[in-house]
Structure formats: C-alpha cells, structure tokens
PDB file of N, CA and C in Angstrom:
ATOM      1  N   UNK A   1       0.840  -1.185   0.000  1.00  0.00           N
ATOM      2  CA  UNK A   1       0.000   0.000   0.000  1.00  0.00           C
ATOM      3  C   UNK A   1       0.878   1.239   0.000  1.00  0.00           C
ATOM      4  N   UNK A   2       0.442   2.247  -0.664  1.00  0.00           N
ATOM      5  CA  UNK A   2       1.110   3.531  -0.760  1.00  0.00           C
ATOM      6  C   UNK A   2       1.281   4.143   0.638  1.00  0.00           C
ATOM      7  N   UNK A   3       2.505   4.555   1.009  1.00  0.00           N
ATOM      8  CA  UNK A   3       2.724   5.146   2.346  1.00  0.00           C
ATOM      9  C   UNK A   3       1.855   6.370   2.627  1.00  0.00           C
ATOM     10  N   UNK A   4       1.627   7.192   1.603  1.00  0.00           N
ATOM     11  CA  UNK A   4       0.773   8.372   1.801  1.00  0.00           C
ATOM     12  C   UNK A   4      -0.668   7.944   2.086  1.00  0.00           C
ATOM     13  N   UNK A   5      -1.127   6.909   1.403  1.00  0.00           N
ATOM     14  CA  UNK A   5      -2.478   6.400   1.629  1.00  0.00           C
ATOM     15  C   UNK A   5      -2.593   5.821   3.034  1.00  0.00           C
ATOM     16  N   UNK A   6      -1.529   5.160   3.493  1.00  0.00           N
ATOM     17  CA  UNK A   6      -1.539   4.599   4.851  1.00  0.00           C
ATOM     18  C   UNK A   6      -1.604   5.708   5.897  1.00  0.00           C
ATOM     19  N   UNK A   7      -0.861   6.787   5.666  1.00  0.00           N
ATOM     20  CA  UNK A   7      -0.890   7.908   6.608  1.00  0.00           C
ATOM     21  C   UNK A   7      -2.282   8.541   6.637  1.00  0.00           C
ATOM     22  N   UNK A   8      -2.890   8.669   5.473  1.00  0.00           N
ATOM     23  CA  UNK A   8      -4.246   9.233   5.396  1.00  0.00           C
ATOM     24  C   UNK A   8      -5.236   8.325   6.106  1.00  0.00           C
ATOM     25  N   UNK A   9      -5.094   7.009   5.896  1.00  0.00           N
ATOM     26  CA  UNK A   9      -5.988   6.045   6.539  1.00  0.00           C
ATOM     27  C   UNK A   9      -5.848   6.125   8.060  1.00  0.00           C
ATOM     28  N   UNK A  10      -4.633   6.250   8.551  1.00  0.00           N
ATOM     29  CA  UNK A  10      -4.411   6.363   9.994  1.00  0.00           C
ATOM     30  C   UNK A  10      -5.112   7.599  10.544  1.00  0.00           C
ATOM     31  N   UNK A  11      -4.967   8.711   9.839  1.00  0.00           N
ATOM     32  CA  UNK A  11      -5.607   9.953  10.270  1.00  0.00           C
ATOM     33  C   UNK A  11      -7.132   9.810  10.264  1.00  0.00           C
ATOM     34  N   UNK A  12      -7.677   9.195   9.223  1.00  0.00           N
ATOM     35  CA  UNK A  12      -9.128   8.995   9.139  1.00  0.00           C
ATOM     36  C   UNK A  12      -9.627   8.068  10.246  1.00  0.00           C
ATOM     37  N   UNK A  13      -8.863   7.022  10.548  1.00  0.00           N
ATOM     38  CA  UNK A  13      -9.255   6.092  11.619  1.00  0.00           C
ATOM     39  C   UNK A  13      -9.250   6.798  12.978  1.00  0.00           C
ATOM     40  N   UNK A  14      -8.254   7.641  13.231  1.00  0.00           N
ATOM     41  CA  UNK A  14      -8.200   8.390  14.487  1.00  0.00           C
ATOM     42  C   UNK A  14      -9.416   9.305  14.616  1.00  0.00           C
ATOM     43  N   UNK A  15      -9.765   9.982  13.541  1.00  0.00           N
ATOM     44  CA  UNK A  15     -10.927  10.876  13.547  1.00  0.00           C
ATOM     45  C   UNK A  15     -12.205  10.073  13.772  1.00  0.00           C
ATOM     46  N   UNK A  16     -12.311   8.900  13.128  1.00  0.00           N
ATOM     47  CA  UNK A  16     -13.474   8.038  13.301  1.00  0.00           C
ATOM     48  C   UNK A  16     -13.607   7.626  14.771  1.00  0.00           C
ATOM     49  N   UNK A  17     -12.505   7.245  15.392  1.00  0.00           N
ATOM     50  CA  UNK A  17     -12.527   6.851  16.811  1.00  0.00           C
ATOM     51  C   UNK A  17     -12.967   8.012  17.700  1.00  0.00           C
ATOM     52  N   UNK A  18     -12.539   9.227  17.365  1.00  0.00           N
ATOM     53  CA  UNK A  18     -12.955  10.404  18.127  1.00  0.00           C
ATOM     54  C   UNK A  18     -14.459  10.650  17.980  1.00  0.00           C
ATOM     55  N   UNK A  19     -14.954  10.520  16.754  1.00  0.00           N
ATOM     56  CA  UNK A  19     -16.365  10.801  16.472  1.00  0.00           C
ATOM     57  C   UNK A  19     -17.312   9.710  16.959  1.00  0.00           C
ATOM     58  N   UNK A  20     -16.837   8.476  16.987  1.00  0.00           N
ATOM     59  CA  UNK A  20     -17.701   7.328  17.302  1.00  0.00           C
ATOM     60  C   UNK A  20     -16.980   6.367  18.254  1.00  0.00           C
ATOM     61  N   UNK A  21     -16.701   6.770  19.489  1.00  0.00           N
ATOM     62  CA  UNK A  21     -15.877   5.949  20.384  1.00  0.00           C
ATOM     63  C   UNK A  21     -16.477   4.583  20.714  1.00  0.00           C
ATOM     64  N   UNK A  22     -17.791   4.446  20.664  1.00  0.00           N
ATOM     65  CA  UNK A  22     -18.408   3.164  21.018  1.00  0.00           C
ATOM     66  C   UNK A  22     -18.248   2.110  19.924  1.00  0.00           C
ATOM     67  N   UNK A  23     -18.092   2.537  18.680  1.00  0.00           N
ATOM     68  CA  UNK A  23     -18.003   1.575  17.578  1.00  0.00           C
ATOM     69  C   UNK A  23     -16.738   0.715  17.688  1.00  0.00           C
ATOM     70  N   UNK A  24     -15.548   1.302  17.836  1.00  0.00           N
ATOM     71  CA  UNK A  24     -14.366   0.447  17.986  1.00  0.00           C
ATOM     72  C   UNK A  24     -14.449  -0.450  19.238  1.00  0.00           C
ATOM     73  N   UNK A  25     -15.039   0.065  20.320  1.00  0.00           N
ATOM     74  CA  UNK A  25     -15.197  -0.759  21.527  1.00  0.00           C
ATOM     75  C   UNK A  25     -16.108  -1.949  21.243  1.00  0.00           C
ATOM     76  N   UNK A  26     -17.174  -1.720  20.493  1.00  0.00           N
ATOM     77  CA  UNK A  26     -18.090  -2.803  20.128  1.00  0.00           C
ATOM     78  C   UNK A  26     -17.361  -3.856  19.309  1.00  0.00           C
ATOM     79  N   UNK A  27     -16.621  -3.418  18.277  1.00  0.00           N
ATOM     80  CA  UNK A  27     -15.916  -4.379  17.437  1.00  0.00           C
ATOM     81  C   UNK A  27     -14.844  -5.132  18.216  1.00  0.00           C
ATOM     82  N   UNK A  28     -14.187  -4.469  19.155  1.00  0.00           N
ATOM     83  CA  UNK A  28     -13.189  -5.150  19.975  1.00  0.00           C
ATOM     84  C   UNK A  28     -13.843  -6.241  20.816  1.00  0.00           C
ATOM     85  N   UNK A  29     -14.994  -5.928  21.413  1.00  0.00           N
ATOM     86  CA  UNK A  29     -15.712  -6.920  22.228  1.00  0.00           C
ATOM     87  C   UNK A  29     -16.267  -8.041  21.355  1.00  0.00           C
ATOM     88  N   UNK A  30     -16.809  -7.687  20.203  1.00  0.00           N
ATOM     89  CA  UNK A  30     -17.423  -8.688  19.325  1.00  0.00           C
ATOM     90  C   UNK A  30     -16.389  -9.592  18.673  1.00  0.00           C
ATOM     91  N   UNK A  31     -15.176  -9.091  18.461  1.00  0.00           N
ATOM     92  CA  UNK A  31     -14.175  -9.891  17.757  1.00  0.00           C
ATOM     93  C   UNK A  31     -13.850 -11.184  18.500  1.00  0.00           C
ATOM     94  N   UNK A  32     -13.982 -11.167  19.809  1.00  0.00           N
ATOM     95  CA  UNK A  32     -13.733 -12.378  20.590  1.00  0.00           C
ATOM     96  C   UNK A  32     -14.891 -13.351  20.566  1.00  0.00           C
ATOM     97  N   UNK A  33     -16.033 -12.935  20.051  1.00  0.00           N
ATOM     98  CA  UNK A  33     -17.238 -13.772  20.031  1.00  0.00           C
ATOM     99  C   UNK A  33     -17.551 -14.346  18.660  1.00  0.00           C
ATOM    100  N   UNK A  34     -17.023 -13.724  17.609  1.00  0.00           N
ATOM    101  CA  UNK A  34     -17.366 -14.141  16.250  1.00  0.00           C
ATOM    102  C   UNK A  34     -16.534 -15.351  15.866  1.00  0.00           C
ATOM    103  N   UNK A  35     -17.214 -16.385  15.438  1.00  0.00           N
ATOM    104  CA  UNK A  35     -16.540 -17.592  14.968  1.00  0.00           C
ATOM    105  C   UNK A  35     -17.258 -18.128  13.749  1.00  0.00           C
ATOM    106  N   UNK A  36     -16.696 -19.160  13.175  1.00  0.00           N
ATOM    107  CA  UNK A  36     -17.323 -19.769  12.009  1.00  0.00           C
ATOM    108  C   UNK A  36     -18.738 -20.210  12.370  1.00  0.00           C
ATOM    109  N   UNK A  37     -19.683 -19.845  11.540  1.00  0.00           N
ATOM    110  CA  UNK A  37     -21.090 -20.157  11.792  1.00  0.00           C
ATOM    111  C   UNK A  37     -21.856 -19.047  12.476  1.00  0.00           C
ATOM    112  N   UNK A  38     -21.150 -18.050  13.031  1.00  0.00           N
ATOM    113  CA  UNK A  38     -21.825 -16.896  13.627  1.00  0.00           C
ATOM    114  C   UNK A  38     -22.560 -16.138  12.536  1.00  0.00           C
ATOM    115  N   UNK A  39     -23.605 -15.414  12.918  1.00  0.00           N
ATOM    116  CA  UNK A  39     -24.347 -14.587  11.966  1.00  0.00           C
ATOM    117  C   UNK A  39     -24.138 -13.127  12.342  1.00  0.00           C
ATOM    118  N   UNK A  40     -23.709 -12.334  11.355  1.00  0.00           N
ATOM    119  CA  UNK A  40     -23.536 -10.894  11.536  1.00  0.00           C
ATOM    120  C   UNK A  40     -24.658 -10.210  10.786  1.00  0.00           C
ATOM    121  N   UNK A  41     -25.362  -9.305  11.478  1.00  0.00           N
ATOM    122  CA  UNK A  41     -26.457  -8.583  10.853  1.00  0.00           C
ATOM    123  C   UNK A  41     -26.117  -7.105  10.826  1.00  0.00           C
ATOM    124  N   UNK A  42     -26.345  -6.473   9.693  1.00  0.00           N
ATOM    125  CA  UNK A  42     -26.115  -5.039   9.535  1.00  0.00           C
ATOM    126  C   UNK A  42     -27.429  -4.364   9.203  1.00  0.00           C
ATOM    127  N   UNK A  43     -27.678  -3.247   9.871  1.00  0.00           N
ATOM    128  CA  UNK A  43     -28.908  -2.499   9.646  1.00  0.00           C
ATOM    129  C   UNK A  43     -28.558  -1.022   9.547  1.00  0.00           C
ATOM    130  N   UNK A  44     -29.157  -0.359   8.570  1.00  0.00           N
ATOM    131  CA  UNK A  44     -28.939   1.073   8.370  1.00  0.00           C
ATOM    132  C   UNK A  44     -30.293   1.759   8.280  1.00  0.00           C
ATOM    133  N   UNK A  45     -30.440   2.838   9.022  1.00  0.00           N
ATOM    134  CA  UNK A  45     -31.639   3.659   8.883  1.00  0.00           C
ATOM    135  C   UNK A  45     -31.207   4.967   8.243  1.00  0.00           C
ATOM    136  N   UNK A  46     -31.743   5.260   7.067  1.00  0.00           N
ATOM    137  CA  UNK A  46     -31.371   6.475   6.348  1.00  0.00           C
ATOM    138  C   UNK A  46     -31.974   7.699   7.028  1.00  0.00           C
ATOM    139  N   UNK A  47     -31.497   8.866   6.636  1.00  0.00           N
ATOM    140  CA  UNK A  47     -32.033  10.121   7.170  1.00  0.00           C
ATOM    141  C   UNK A  47     -33.514  10.268   6.841  1.00  0.00           C
ATOM    142  N   UNK A  48     -33.962   9.600   5.769  1.00  0.00           N
ATOM    143  CA  UNK A  48     -35.370   9.655   5.365  1.00  0.00           C
ATOM    144  C   UNK A  48     -36.226   8.628   6.108  1.00  0.00           C
ATOM    145  N   UNK A  49     -35.600   7.787   6.935  1.00  0.00           N
ATOM    146  CA  UNK A  49     -36.338   6.805   7.710  1.00  0.00           C
ATOM    147  C   UNK A  49     -36.427   5.425   7.092  1.00  0.00           C
ATOM    148  N   UNK A  50     -35.828   5.232   5.922  1.00  0.00           N
ATOM    149  CA  UNK A  50     -35.836   3.922   5.277  1.00  0.00           C
ATOM    150  C   UNK A  50     -34.818   3.014   5.966  1.00  0.00           C
ATOM    151  N   UNK A  51     -35.179   1.752   6.185  1.00  0.00           N
ATOM    152  CA  UNK A  51     -34.284   0.801   6.827  1.00  0.00           C
ATOM    153  C   UNK A  51     -33.800  -0.226   5.815  1.00  0.00           C
ATOM    154  N   UNK A  52     -32.487  -0.439   5.796  1.00  0.00           N
ATOM    155  CA  UNK A  52     -31.866  -1.469   4.977  1.00  0.00           C
ATOM    156  C   UNK A  52     -31.206  -2.458   5.929  1.00  0.00           C
ATOM    157  N   UNK A  53     -31.397  -3.748   5.672  1.00  0.00           N
ATOM    158  CA  UNK A  53     -30.859  -4.753   6.587  1.00  0.00           C
ATOM    159  C   UNK A  53     -30.388  -5.967   5.784  1.00  0.00           C
ATOM    160  N   UNK A  54     -29.286  -6.553   6.205  1.00  0.00           N
ATOM    161  CA  UNK A  54     -28.792  -7.789   5.618  1.00  0.00           C
ATOM    162  C   UNK A  54     -28.044  -8.567   6.701  1.00  0.00           C
ATOM    163  N   UNK A  55     -27.740  -9.823   6.407  1.00  0.00           N
ATOM    164  CA  UNK A  55     -26.945 -10.605   7.347  1.00  0.00           C
ATOM    165  C   UNK A  55     -26.068 -11.573   6.577  1.00  0.00           C
ATOM    166  N   UNK A  56     -25.093 -12.138   7.269  1.00  0.00           N
ATOM    167  CA  UNK A  56     -24.190 -13.112   6.662  1.00  0.00           C
ATOM    168  C   UNK A  56     -23.765 -14.130   7.708  1.00  0.00           C
ATOM    169  N   UNK A  57     -23.623 -15.368   7.279  1.00  0.00           N
ATOM    170  CA  UNK A  57     -23.085 -16.416   8.143  1.00  0.00           C
ATOM    171  C   UNK A  57     -21.573 -16.441   7.917  1.00  0.00           C
ATOM    172  N   UNK A  58     -20.802 -16.352   8.986  1.00  0.00           N
ATOM    173  CA  UNK A  58     -19.349 -16.249   8.923  1.00  0.00           C
ATOM    174  C   UNK A  58     -18.736 -17.591   8.506  1.00  0.00           C
ATOM    175  N   UNK A  59     -17.820 -17.508   7.529  1.00  0.00           N
ATOM    176  CA  UNK A  59     -17.102 -18.688   7.054  1.00  0.00           C
ATOM    177  C   UNK A  59     -15.638 -18.612   7.500  1.00  0.00           C
ATOM    178  N   UNK A  60     -14.908 -19.679   7.296  1.00  0.00           N
ATOM    179  CA  UNK A  60     -13.477 -19.698   7.615  1.00  0.00           C
ATOM    180  C   UNK A  60     -12.738 -18.634   6.798  1.00  0.00           C
ATOM    181  N   UNK A  61     -13.130 -18.454   5.535  1.00  0.00           N
ATOM    182  CA  UNK A  61     -12.508 -17.418   4.701  1.00  0.00           C
ATOM    183  C   UNK A  61     -12.753 -16.021   5.267  1.00  0.00           C
ATOM    184  N   UNK A  62     -13.952 -15.794   5.794  1.00  0.00           N
ATOM    185  CA  UNK A  62     -14.268 -14.493   6.407  1.00  0.00           C
ATOM    186  C   UNK A  62     -13.377 -14.241   7.612  1.00  0.00           C
ATOM    187  N   UNK A  63     -13.165 -15.266   8.423  1.00  0.00           N
ATOM    188  CA  UNK A  63     -12.312 -15.118   9.608  1.00  0.00           C
ATOM    189  C   UNK A  63     -10.878 -14.788   9.202  1.00  0.00           C
ATOM    190  N   UNK A  64     -10.401 -15.413   8.128  1.00  0.00           N
ATOM    191  CA  UNK A  64      -9.051 -15.123   7.638  1.00  0.00           C
ATOM    192  C   UNK A  64      -8.948 -13.665   7.196  1.00  0.00           C
ATOM    193  N   UNK A  65      -9.968 -13.172   6.494  1.00  0.00           N
ATOM    194  CA  UNK A  65     -10.001 -11.772   6.064  1.00  0.00           C
ATOM    195  C   UNK A  65      -9.995 -10.843   7.275  1.00  0.00           C
ATOM    196  N   UNK A  66     -10.813 -11.135   8.285  1.00  0.00           N
ATOM    197  CA  UNK A  66     -10.883 -10.282   9.480  1.00  0.00           C
ATOM    198  C   UNK A  66      -9.543 -10.240  10.201  1.00  0.00           C
ATOM    199  N   UNK A  67      -8.864 -11.377  10.293  1.00  0.00           N
ATOM    200  CA  UNK A  67      -7.550 -11.406  10.950  1.00  0.00           C
ATOM    201  C   UNK A  67      -6.546 -10.561  10.175  1.00  0.00           C
ATOM    202  N   UNK A  68      -6.574 -10.655   8.859  1.00  0.00           N
ATOM    203  CA  UNK A  68      -5.662  -9.869   8.021  1.00  0.00           C
ATOM    204  C   UNK A  68      -5.934  -8.381   8.188  1.00  0.00           C
ATOM    205  N   UNK A  69      -7.206  -7.994   8.207  1.00  0.00           N
ATOM    206  CA  UNK A  69      -7.549  -6.576   8.396  1.00  0.00           C
ATOM    207  C   UNK A  69      -7.131  -6.081   9.774  1.00  0.00           C
ATOM    208  N   UNK A  70      -7.299  -6.914  10.805  1.00  0.00           N
ATOM    209  CA  UNK A  70      -6.886  -6.508  12.160  1.00  0.00           C
ATOM    210  C   UNK A  70      -5.394  -6.239  12.211  1.00  0.00           C
ATOM    211  N   UNK A  71      -4.617  -7.015  11.472  1.00  0.00           N
ATOM    212  CA  UNK A  71      -3.161  -6.818  11.446  1.00  0.00           C
ATOM    213  C   UNK A  71      -2.785  -5.503  10.770  1.00  0.00           C
ATOM    214  N   UNK A  72      -3.642  -5.020   9.866  1.00  0.00           N
ATOM    215  CA  UNK A  72      -3.350  -3.789   9.124  1.00  0.00           C
ATOM    216  C   UNK A  72      -3.719  -2.534   9.914  1.00  0.00           C
ATOM    217  N   UNK A  73      -4.639  -2.629  10.864  1.00  0.00           N
ATOM    218  CA  UNK A  73      -5.109  -1.466  11.613  1.00  0.00           C
ATOM    219  C   UNK A  73      -4.180  -1.232  12.803  1.00  0.00           C
ATOM    220  N   UNK A  74      -3.706   0.000  12.964  1.00  0.00           N
ATOM    221  CA  UNK A  74      -2.815   0.308  14.088  1.00  0.00           C
ATOM    222  C   UNK A  74      -3.492   0.036  15.428  1.00  0.00           C
ATOM    223  N   UNK A  75      -2.734  -0.506  16.365  1.00  0.00           N
ATOM    224  CA  UNK A  75      -3.254  -0.779  17.719  1.00  0.00           C
ATOM    225  C   UNK A  75      -3.366   0.520  18.484  1.00  0.00           C
ATOM    226  N   UNK A  76      -4.391   0.601  19.339  1.00  0.00           N
ATOM    227  CA  UNK A  76      -4.566   1.786  20.178  1.00  0.00           C
ATOM    228  C   UNK A  76      -4.149   1.481  21.593  1.00  0.00           C
TER     229      UNK A  76
END
C-alpha cells in the first residue's frame, strides 16, 4: 500500500474513533465472540427513515479476512 495512503488512513481512523468511540469498543468486544457459523447482521436507517438490513453467516474465509484486516489497523 502507498505510504501516503496509509498515513491518510491512519488519520481517518483516528478521527473516526474520536467521532464514534463506542463503535471500535463494540468491534473489539465482538471480535472475541465471532466464529465460524456466527451470523452478523447489519442495519442502516437512512435520514429519510428507510431501513436497509442484511446478514451473513461467517465462514473460515471471512475469519481469515478479518484477521488480516486486524493486522493492518494500528493498535490503540
């Protein structure tokens, strides 16, 4: 990855943590609970009040991806 892009990503992640402190805490707590066969559900409510929802059953490949992404994100 481009070093400038990595620096920008770090800055954006820090700002995200400042703006939404509960989200990283949630993911940290949930990461110890998610295993193969777990179901992750995502729900979004738009500013207009429309709700979008989906879910996925976690596979071994998904866990490998999550571990790789965790290694890329700077530790706090």
